[in-house]
PDB file of N, CA and C in Angstrom:
ATOM      1  N   MET A   1      54.468 -51.336 -22.772  1.00  0.00           N
ATOM      2  CA  MET A   1      53.545 -51.677 -23.620  1.00  0.00           C
ATOM      3  C   MET A   1      53.169 -53.526 -23.103  1.00  0.00           C
ATOM      4  N   VAL A   2      51.760 -53.601 -22.977  1.00  0.00           N
ATOM      5  CA  VAL A   2      51.575 -54.769 -22.612  1.00  0.00           C
ATOM      6  C   VAL A   2      50.388 -55.432 -23.593  1.00  0.00           C
ATOM      7  N   SER A   3      50.340 -56.383 -23.463  1.00  0.00           N
ATOM      8  CA  SER A   3      49.413 -57.329 -24.477  1.00  0.00           C
ATOM      9  C   SER A   3      48.171 -58.080 -23.409  1.00  0.00           C
ATOM     10  N   GLN A   4      47.079 -58.291 -23.963  1.00  0.00           N
ATOM     11  CA  GLN A   4      45.873 -58.966 -23.311  1.00  0.00           C
ATOM     12  C   GLN A   4      46.370 -60.562 -22.726  1.00  0.00           C
ATOM     13  N   ARG A   5      47.403 -61.257 -23.215  1.00  0.00           N
ATOM     14  CA  ARG A   5      47.486 -62.331 -22.874  1.00  0.00           C
ATOM     15  C   ARG A   5      47.721 -62.833 -21.387  1.00  0.00           C
ATOM     16  N   GLY A   6      47.331 -63.999 -21.387  1.00  0.00           N
ATOM     17  CA  GLY A   6      47.317 -64.301 -19.737  1.00  0.00           C
ATOM     18  C   GLY A   6      46.014 -64.047 -19.082  1.00  0.00           C
ATOM     19  N   ALA A   7      45.951 -64.081 -17.692  1.00  0.00           N
ATOM     20  CA  ALA A   7      44.839 -63.531 -16.903  1.00  0.00           C
ATOM     21  C   ALA A   7      44.180 -62.109 -17.037  1.00  0.00           C
ATOM     22  N   GLY A   8      43.100 -61.539 -17.483  1.00  0.00           N
ATOM     23  CA  GLY A   8      42.884 -60.014 -17.658  1.00  0.00           C
ATOM     24  C   GLY A   8      43.948 -59.461 -18.795  1.00  0.00           C
ATOM     25  N   TYR A   9      44.848 -58.247 -18.277  1.00  0.00           N
ATOM     26  CA  TYR A   9      45.447 -57.433 -18.868  1.00  0.00           C
ATOM     27  C   TYR A   9      46.986 -57.800 -18.493  1.00  0.00           C
ATOM     28  N   GLY A  10      47.553 -57.737 -19.468  1.00  0.00           N
ATOM     29  CA  GLY A  10      49.176 -57.310 -18.869  1.00  0.00           C
ATOM     30  C   GLY A  10      50.128 -58.480 -18.427  1.00  0.00           C
ATOM     31  N   GLY A  11      51.398 -57.789 -18.439  1.00  0.00           N
ATOM     32  CA  GLY A  11      52.445 -58.506 -18.237  1.00  0.00           C
ATOM     33  C   GLY A  11      53.327 -59.265 -19.643  1.00  0.00           C
ATOM     34  N   GLU A  12      52.536 -59.364 -20.706  1.00  0.00           N
ATOM     35  CA  GLU A  12      53.624 -59.961 -21.701  1.00  0.00           C
ATOM     36  C   GLU A  12      53.804 -58.889 -22.642  1.00  0.00           C
ATOM     37  N   PRO A  13      55.201 -58.748 -23.255  1.00  0.00           N
ATOM     38  CA  PRO A  13      55.372 -57.717 -24.340  1.00  0.00           C
ATOM     39  C   PRO A  13      54.600 -57.923 -25.507  1.00  0.00           C
ATOM     40  N   ASP A  14      54.150 -56.683 -26.022  1.00  0.00           N
ATOM     41  CA  ASP A  14      53.572 -56.875 -27.651  1.00  0.00           C
ATOM     42  C   ASP A  14      54.486 -57.629 -28.330  1.00  0.00           C
ATOM     43  N   ASP A  15      53.795 -58.039 -29.611  1.00  0.00           N
ATOM     44  CA  ASP A  15      54.593 -58.679 -30.700  1.00  0.00           C
ATOM     45  C   ASP A  15      55.042 -57.407 -31.612  1.00  0.00           C
ATOM     46  N   ALA A  16      55.829 -56.498 -30.906  1.00  0.00           N
ATOM     47  CA  ALA A  16      56.244 -55.157 -31.728  1.00  0.00           C
ATOM     48  C   ALA A  16      57.747 -54.928 -31.223  1.00  0.00           C
ATOM     49  N   VAL A  17      58.286 -53.977 -31.782  1.00  0.00           N
ATOM     50  CA  VAL A  17      59.571 -53.579 -31.466  1.00  0.00           C
ATOM     51  C   VAL A  17      59.834 -52.092 -30.856  1.00  0.00           C
ATOM     52  N   TRP A  18      60.229 -51.860 -30.193  1.00  0.00           N
ATOM     53  CA  TRP A  18      60.711 -50.419 -29.376  1.00  0.00           C
ATOM     54  C   TRP A  18      61.273 -49.484 -30.191  1.00  0.00           C
ATOM     55  N   VAL A  19      60.948 -48.428 -30.800  1.00  0.00           N
ATOM     56  CA  VAL A  19      61.426 -47.632 -31.890  1.00  0.00           C
ATOM     57  C   VAL A  19      62.167 -46.608 -31.043  1.00  0.00           C
ATOM     58  N   ALA A  20      63.597 -46.170 -31.305  1.00  0.00           N
ATOM     59  CA  ALA A  20      64.387 -45.206 -30.523  1.00  0.00           C
ATOM     60  C   ALA A  20      63.769 -44.040 -30.716  1.00  0.00           C
ATOM     61  N   ASP A  21      63.922 -42.925 -29.845  1.00  0.00           N
ATOM     62  CA  ASP A  21      63.312 -41.612 -29.997  1.00  0.00           C
ATOM     63  C   ASP A  21      62.024 -41.465 -29.899  1.00  0.00           C
ATOM     64  N   VAL A  22      61.147 -42.361 -29.822  1.00  0.00           N
ATOM     65  CA  VAL A  22      59.749 -42.197 -29.633  1.00  0.00           C
ATOM     66  C   VAL A  22      59.387 -42.419 -28.064  1.00  0.00           C
ATOM     67  N   ASP A  23      58.679 -41.201 -27.783  1.00  0.00           N
ATOM     68  CA  ASP A  23      58.602 -40.990 -26.114  1.00  0.00           C
ATOM     69  C   ASP A  23      57.241 -41.801 -25.615  1.00  0.00           C
ATOM     70  N   TYR A  24      57.443 -42.981 -25.459  1.00  0.00           N
ATOM     71  CA  TYR A  24      56.624 -43.668 -25.112  1.00  0.00           C
ATOM     72  C   TYR A  24      55.944 -43.574 -23.677  1.00  0.00           C
ATOM     73  N   VAL A  25      56.876 -43.073 -22.665  1.00  0.00           N
ATOM     74  CA  VAL A  25      56.407 -42.542 -21.581  1.00  0.00           C
ATOM     75  C   VAL A  25      55.392 -41.554 -21.389  1.00  0.00           C
ATOM     76  N   ALA A  26      55.700 -40.601 -22.159  1.00  0.00           N
ATOM     77  CA  ALA A  26      54.446 -39.464 -22.482  1.00  0.00           C
ATOM     78  C   ALA A  26      53.508 -39.673 -22.853  1.00  0.00           C
ATOM     79  N   ALA A  27      53.351 -40.376 -23.917  1.00  0.00           N
ATOM     80  CA  ALA A  27      52.053 -41.187 -24.423  1.00  0.00           C
ATOM     81  C   ALA A  27      51.509 -42.100 -23.310  1.00  0.00           C
ATOM     82  N   TRP A  28      52.261 -42.790 -22.492  1.00  0.00           N
ATOM     83  CA  TRP A  28      51.269 -43.790 -21.746  1.00  0.00           C
ATOM     84  C   TRP A  28      50.900 -42.976 -20.494  1.00  0.00           C
ATOM     85  N   CYS A  29      51.532 -42.033 -20.029  1.00  0.00           N
ATOM     86  CA  CYS A  29      51.105 -41.124 -19.007  1.00  0.00           C
ATOM     87  C   CYS A  29      49.740 -40.523 -19.408  1.00  0.00           C
ATOM     88  N   ALA A  30      49.602 -40.066 -20.825  1.00  0.00           N
ATOM     89  CA  ALA A  30      48.686 -39.377 -21.465  1.00  0.00           C
ATOM     90  C   ALA A  30      47.376 -40.491 -21.152  1.00  0.00           C
ATOM     91  N   ALA A  31      47.631 -41.909 -21.801  1.00  0.00           N
ATOM     92  CA  ALA A  31      46.781 -42.555 -21.642  1.00  0.00           C
ATOM     93  C   ALA A  31      46.276 -42.904 -20.218  1.00  0.00           C
ATOM     94  N   GLU A  32      47.031 -42.804 -19.149  1.00  0.00           N
ATOM     95  CA  GLU A  32      46.946 -43.444 -17.882  1.00  0.00           C
ATOM     96  C   GLU A  32      45.982 -42.143 -17.273  1.00  0.00           C
ATOM     97  N   GLU A  33      45.961 -41.059 -17.806  1.00  0.00           N
ATOM     98  CA  GLU A  33      45.303 -40.070 -17.233  1.00  0.00           C
ATOM     99  C   GLU A  33      43.859 -39.993 -17.579  1.00  0.00           C
ATOM    100  N   ALA A  34      43.671 -40.283 -19.080  1.00  0.00           N
ATOM    101  CA  ALA A  34      42.352 -40.517 -19.686  1.00  0.00           C
ATOM    102  C   ALA A  34      41.512 -41.817 -19.117  1.00  0.00           C
ATOM    103  N   ALA A  35      42.602 -42.885 -18.776  1.00  0.00           N
ATOM    104  CA  ALA A  35      42.013 -44.096 -18.179  1.00  0.00           C
ATOM    105  C   ALA A  35      41.355 -43.757 -16.803  1.00  0.00           C
ATOM    106  N   THR A  36      42.155 -43.096 -15.941  1.00  0.00           N
ATOM    107  CA  THR A  36      41.782 -42.860 -14.699  1.00  0.00           C
ATOM    108  C   THR A  36      40.407 -41.966 -14.558  1.00  0.00           C
ATOM    109  N   GLU A  37      40.393 -41.286 -15.724  1.00  0.00           N
ATOM    110  CA  GLU A  37      39.132 -40.284 -15.885  1.00  0.00           C
ATOM    111  C   GLU A  37      37.830 -41.264 -16.030  1.00  0.00           C
ATOM    112  N   VAL A  38      38.257 -42.183 -16.822  1.00  0.00           N
ATOM    113  CA  VAL A  38      37.061 -43.192 -17.105  1.00  0.00           C
ATOM    114  C   VAL A  38      36.591 -43.609 -16.078  1.00  0.00           C
ATOM    115  N   ASN A  39      37.565 -44.496 -15.277  1.00  0.00           N
ATOM    116  CA  ASN A  39      37.500 -45.531 -14.327  1.00  0.00           C
ATOM    117  C   ASN A  39      36.825 -44.597 -12.847  1.00  0.00           C
ATOM    118  N   GLU A  40      37.327 -43.392 -12.890  1.00  0.00           N
ATOM    119  CA  GLU A  40      36.802 -42.494 -11.712  1.00  0.00           C
ATOM    120  C   GLU A  40      35.276 -42.221 -11.962  1.00  0.00           C
ATOM    121  N   ALA A  41      34.928 -42.222 -13.472  1.00  0.00           N
ATOM    122  CA  ALA A  41      33.280 -41.468 -13.717  1.00  0.00           C
ATOM    123  C   ALA A  41      32.406 -42.736 -13.654  1.00  0.00           C
ATOM    124  N   ALA A  42      33.365 -43.871 -13.750  1.00  0.00           N
ATOM    125  CA  ALA A  42      32.086 -45.105 -14.007  1.00  0.00           C
ATOM    126  C   ALA A  42      32.067 -45.462 -12.330  1.00  0.00           C
ATOM    127  N   ARG A  43      33.085 -45.334 -11.388  1.00  0.00           N
ATOM    128  CA  ARG A  43      32.979 -45.550 -10.049  1.00  0.00           C
ATOM    129  C   ARG A  43      32.107 -44.679  -9.427  1.00  0.00           C
ATOM    130  N   ALA A  44      31.984 -43.389 -10.011  1.00  0.00           N
ATOM    131  CA  ALA A  44      30.937 -42.372  -9.556  1.00  0.00           C
ATOM    132  C   ALA A  44      29.553 -42.881  -9.886  1.00  0.00           C
ATOM    133  N   LEU A  45      29.275 -43.606 -11.021  1.00  0.00           N
ATOM    134  CA  LEU A  45      28.122 -44.023 -11.312  1.00  0.00           C
ATOM    135  C   LEU A  45      27.824 -45.287 -10.677  1.00  0.00           C
ATOM    136  N   GLY A  46      28.375 -45.829  -9.707  1.00  0.00           N
ATOM    137  CA  GLY A  46      28.288 -47.170  -9.125  1.00  0.00           C
ATOM    138  C   GLY A  46      28.632 -48.339 -10.236  1.00  0.00           C
ATOM    139  N   ILE A  47      29.385 -48.272 -11.094  1.00  0.00           N
ATOM    140  CA  ILE A  47      29.626 -49.174 -12.092  1.00  0.00           C
ATOM    141  C   ILE A  47      31.126 -49.859 -11.763  1.00  0.00           C
ATOM    142  N   GLY A  48      31.190 -51.065 -11.212  1.00  0.00           N
ATOM    143  CA  GLY A  48      32.307 -51.752 -10.670  1.00  0.00           C
ATOM    144  C   GLY A  48      33.455 -51.940 -11.728  1.00  0.00           C
ATOM    145  N   SER A  49      34.416 -52.361 -11.395  1.00  0.00           N
ATOM    146  CA  SER A  49      35.894 -52.493 -12.302  1.00  0.00           C
ATOM    147  C   SER A  49      35.707 -53.807 -12.975  1.00  0.00           C
ATOM    148  N   HIS A  50      34.815 -54.500 -12.483  1.00  0.00           N
ATOM    149  CA  HIS A  50      34.551 -55.949 -13.332  1.00  0.00           C
ATOM    150  C   HIS A  50      34.022 -55.760 -14.598  1.00  0.00           C
ATOM    151  N   LEU A  51      33.165 -54.389 -14.699  1.00  0.00           N
ATOM    152  CA  LEU A  51      32.599 -54.227 -15.913  1.00  0.00           C
ATOM    153  C   LEU A  51      33.288 -53.068 -16.970  1.00  0.00           C
ATOM    154  N   VAL A  52      33.575 -52.046 -15.957  1.00  0.00           N
ATOM    155  CA  VAL A  52      34.124 -50.858 -16.678  1.00  0.00           C
ATOM    156  C   VAL A  52      35.405 -50.722 -16.062  1.00  0.00           C
ATOM    157  N   ARG A  53      36.644 -50.957 -17.199  1.00  0.00           N
ATOM    158  CA  ARG A  53      38.345 -50.813 -16.450  1.00  0.00           C
ATOM    159  C   ARG A  53      38.818 -50.285 -17.689  1.00  0.00           C
ATOM    160  N   ALA A  54      39.302 -49.148 -17.633  1.00  0.00           N
ATOM    161  CA  ALA A  54      40.019 -48.479 -18.814  1.00  0.00           C
ATOM    162  C   ALA A  54      41.500 -48.809 -18.305  1.00  0.00           C
ATOM    163  N   ILE A  55      42.499 -49.327 -19.409  1.00  0.00           N
ATOM    164  CA  ILE A  55      43.858 -49.491 -19.140  1.00  0.00           C
ATOM    165  C   ILE A  55      44.465 -48.963 -19.900  1.00  0.00           C
ATOM    166  N   PRO A  56      45.631 -48.060 -19.440  1.00  0.00           N
ATOM    167  CA  PRO A  56      46.344 -47.329 -20.274  1.00  0.00           C
ATOM    168  C   PRO A  56      47.281 -48.043 -21.185  1.00  0.00           C
ATOM    169  N   HIS A  57      47.895 -47.642 -22.191  1.00  0.00           N
ATOM    170  CA  HIS A  57      48.540 -48.498 -23.284  1.00  0.00           C
ATOM    171  C   HIS A  57      49.388 -47.454 -23.960  1.00  0.00           C
ATOM    172  N   THR A  58      50.494 -47.707 -24.788  1.00  0.00           N
ATOM    173  CA  THR A  58      51.074 -47.069 -25.636  1.00  0.00           C
ATOM    174  C   THR A  58      51.383 -47.900 -26.855  1.00  0.00           C
ATOM    175  N   GLY A  59      51.065 -47.324 -27.974  1.00  0.00           N
ATOM    176  CA  GLY A  59      51.057 -48.056 -29.401  1.00  0.00           C
ATOM    177  C   GLY A  59      52.702 -48.144 -29.783  1.00  0.00           C
ATOM    178  N   ILE A  60      52.852 -48.920 -30.950  1.00  0.00           N
ATOM    179  CA  ILE A  60      53.878 -48.812 -31.266  1.00  0.00           C
ATOM    180  C   ILE A  60      54.827 -47.291 -31.919  1.00  0.00           C
ATOM    181  N   ARG A  61      53.791 -46.576 -32.663  1.00  0.00           N
ATOM    182  CA  ARG A  61      54.170 -45.380 -32.761  1.00  0.00           C
ATOM    183  C   ARG A  61      54.239 -44.426 -31.767  1.00  0.00           C
ATOM    184  N   GLY A  62      54.141 -44.699 -30.673  1.00  0.00           N
ATOM    185  CA  GLY A  62      54.070 -43.649 -29.521  1.00  0.00           C
ATOM    186  C   GLY A  62      52.865 -43.214 -29.304  1.00  0.00           C
ATOM    187  N   GLU A  63      51.697 -43.478 -29.847  1.00  0.00           N
ATOM    188  CA  GLU A  63      50.190 -43.073 -29.567  1.00  0.00           C
ATOM    189  C   GLU A  63      49.628 -43.582 -28.426  1.00  0.00           C
ATOM    190  N   SER A  64      49.184 -42.637 -27.716  1.00  0.00           N
ATOM    191  CA  SER A  64      48.539 -43.021 -26.346  1.00  0.00           C
ATOM    192  C   SER A  64      47.118 -43.782 -26.694  1.00  0.00           C
ATOM    193  N   VAL A  65      46.996 -44.862 -25.983  1.00  0.00           N
ATOM    194  CA  VAL A  65      45.860 -45.930 -26.350  1.00  0.00           C
ATOM    195  C   VAL A  65      45.204 -46.107 -25.139  1.00  0.00           C
ATOM    196  N   VAL A  66      43.746 -46.171 -25.010  1.00  0.00           N
ATOM    197  CA  VAL A  66      43.085 -46.728 -23.767  1.00  0.00           C
ATOM    198  C   VAL A  66      42.600 -47.816 -24.019  1.00  0.00           C
ATOM    199  N   TRP A  67      43.031 -49.161 -23.333  1.00  0.00           N
ATOM    200  CA  TRP A  67      41.911 -50.267 -23.911  1.00  0.00           C
ATOM    201  C   TRP A  67      40.937 -50.558 -22.793  1.00  0.00           C
ATOM    202  N   MET A  68      39.805 -51.290 -23.448  1.00  0.00           N
ATOM    203  CA  MET A  68      38.610 -51.521 -22.613  1.00  0.00           C
ATOM    204  C   MET A  68      37.820 -52.797 -23.158  1.00  0.00           C
ATOM    205  N   ARG A  69      37.612 -53.627 -22.374  1.00  0.00           N
ATOM    206  CA  ARG A  69      37.017 -54.662 -22.795  1.00  0.00           C
ATOM    207  C   ARG A  69      35.558 -54.680 -23.429  1.00  0.00           C
ATOM    208  N   PRO A  70      34.905 -55.385 -24.212  1.00  0.00           N
ATOM    209  CA  PRO A  70      34.087 -54.854 -25.117  1.00  0.00           C
ATOM    210  C   PRO A  70      32.655 -54.516 -24.143  1.00  0.00           C
ATOM    211  N   GLU A  71      32.442 -55.638 -23.204  1.00  0.00           N
ATOM    212  CA  GLU A  71      31.482 -55.212 -22.206  1.00  0.00           C
ATOM    213  C   GLU A  71      31.458 -53.754 -21.552  1.00  0.00           C
ATOM    214  N   GLY A  72      32.442 -53.369 -21.330  1.00  0.00           N
ATOM    215  CA  GLY A  72      32.579 -52.260 -20.409  1.00  0.00           C
ATOM    216  C   GLY A  72      32.254 -51.047 -21.595  1.00  0.00           C
ATOM    217  N   VAL A  73      32.838 -51.193 -22.780  1.00  0.00           N
ATOM    218  CA  VAL A  73      32.379 -50.499 -23.913  1.00  0.00           C
ATOM    219  C   VAL A  73      31.055 -50.191 -24.301  1.00  0.00           C
ATOM    220  N   ARG A  74      30.413 -51.550 -24.366  1.00  0.00           N
ATOM    221  CA  ARG A  74      29.059 -51.378 -24.546  1.00  0.00           C
ATOM    222  C   ARG A  74      28.197 -50.837 -23.198  1.00  0.00           C
ATOM    223  N   GLU A  75      28.781 -50.776 -21.871  1.00  0.00           N
ATOM    224  CA  GLU A  75      27.988 -50.147 -20.746  1.00  0.00           C
ATOM    225  C   GLU A  75      28.054 -48.430 -21.158  1.00  0.00           C
ATOM    226  N   ILE A  76      29.198 -48.183 -21.659  1.00  0.00           N
ATOM    227  CA  ILE A  76      29.268 -46.725 -21.982  1.00  0.00           C
ATOM    228  C   ILE A  76      28.580 -46.149 -22.857  1.00  0.00           C
ATOM    229  N   ALA A  77      28.692 -46.813 -23.858  1.00  0.00           N
ATOM    230  CA  ALA A  77      27.983 -46.734 -24.978  1.00  0.00           C
ATOM    231  C   ALA A  77      26.161 -46.877 -24.562  1.00  0.00           C
ATOM    232  N   GLN A  78      26.015 -47.756 -23.731  1.00  0.00           N
ATOM    233  CA  GLN A  78      24.664 -47.498 -23.575  1.00  0.00           C
ATOM    234  C   GLN A  78      24.222 -46.334 -22.792  1.00  0.00           C
ATOM    235  N   LEU A  79      25.166 -45.719 -21.435  1.00  0.00           N
ATOM    236  CA  LEU A  79      24.933 -44.801 -20.844  1.00  0.00           C
ATOM    237  C   LEU A  79      24.910 -43.255 -21.839  1.00  0.00           C
ATOM    238  N   LEU A  80      25.930 -43.186 -22.692  1.00  0.00           N
ATOM    239  CA  LEU A  80      25.742 -42.245 -23.788  1.00  0.00           C
ATOM    240  C   LEU A  80      24.417 -42.129 -24.411  1.00  0.00           C
ATOM    241  N   GLY A  81      24.104 -43.352 -24.703  1.00  0.00           N
ATOM    242  CA  GLY A  81      22.744 -43.356 -25.674  1.00  0.00           C
ATOM    243  C   GLY A  81      21.532 -42.739 -24.699  1.00  0.00           C
ATOM    244  N   THR A  82      21.726 -43.020 -23.334  1.00  0.00           N
ATOM    245  CA  THR A  82      20.269 -42.563 -22.477  1.00  0.00           C
ATOM    246  C   THR A  82      20.763 -40.943 -22.510  1.00  0.00           C
ATOM    247  N   LEU A  83      21.874 -40.451 -22.263  1.00  0.00           N
ATOM    248  CA  LEU A  83      22.206 -39.212 -22.317  1.00  0.00           C
ATOM    249  C   LEU A  83      21.710 -38.445 -23.613  1.00  0.00           C
ATOM    250  N   ALA A  84      21.981 -38.974 -24.530  1.00  0.00           N
ATOM    251  CA  ALA A  84      21.299 -38.366 -25.803  1.00  0.00           C
ATOM    252  C   ALA A  84      19.995 -38.351 -25.963  1.00  0.00           C
ATOM    253  N   GLU A  85      19.286 -39.421 -25.554  1.00  0.00           N
ATOM    254  CA  GLU A  85      17.755 -39.468 -25.561  1.00  0.00           C
ATOM    255  C   GLU A  85      17.341 -38.408 -24.558  1.00  0.00           C
ATOM    256  N   GLU A  86      17.876 -38.285 -23.656  1.00  0.00           N
ATOM    257  CA  GLU A  86      17.577 -37.259 -22.468  1.00  0.00           C
ATOM    258  C   GLU A  86      17.671 -35.887 -23.047  1.00  0.00           C
ATOM    259  N   ARG A  87      18.573 -35.765 -23.876  1.00  0.00           N
ATOM    260  CA  ARG A  87      18.941 -34.354 -24.428  1.00  0.00           C
ATOM    261  C   ARG A  87      17.915 -33.636 -25.487  1.00  0.00           C
ATOM    262  N   ARG A  88      17.704 -35.089 -26.194  1.00  0.00           N
ATOM    263  CA  ARG A  88      16.674 -34.735 -26.983  1.00  0.00           C
ATOM    264  C   ARG A  88      15.339 -34.414 -26.689  1.00  0.00           C
ATOM    265  N   ALA A  89      15.043 -35.221 -25.420  1.00  0.00           N
ATOM    266  CA  ALA A  89      13.723 -34.808 -24.723  1.00  0.00           C
ATOM    267  C   ALA A  89      13.457 -33.603 -24.339  1.00  0.00           C
ATOM    268  N   GLY A  90      14.595 -33.397 -23.622  1.00  0.00           N
ATOM    269  CA  GLY A  90      14.587 -32.166 -22.991  1.00  0.00           C
ATOM    270  C   GLY A  90      14.677 -30.973 -23.344  1.00  0.00           C
TER     271      GLY A  90
END
């Protein structure tokens, strides 16, 4: 588990305690798979990692989490909005 302290993402432990018997690795792997899908889709659309960059993470309870910067989320929201408009029109 890493936090957003420092330059960009990562490096510092979260302000959390690791809980025994929680499978953080499996949760991180699931988050990493989802983050890779988002990142690859963004690259396929010509969106650079400076704007859309999904980061895998594991929450304190062992849940899979994918972090993104607000500007990346807004870019994806705009694309989804465009797709929704096209679907309604089509």
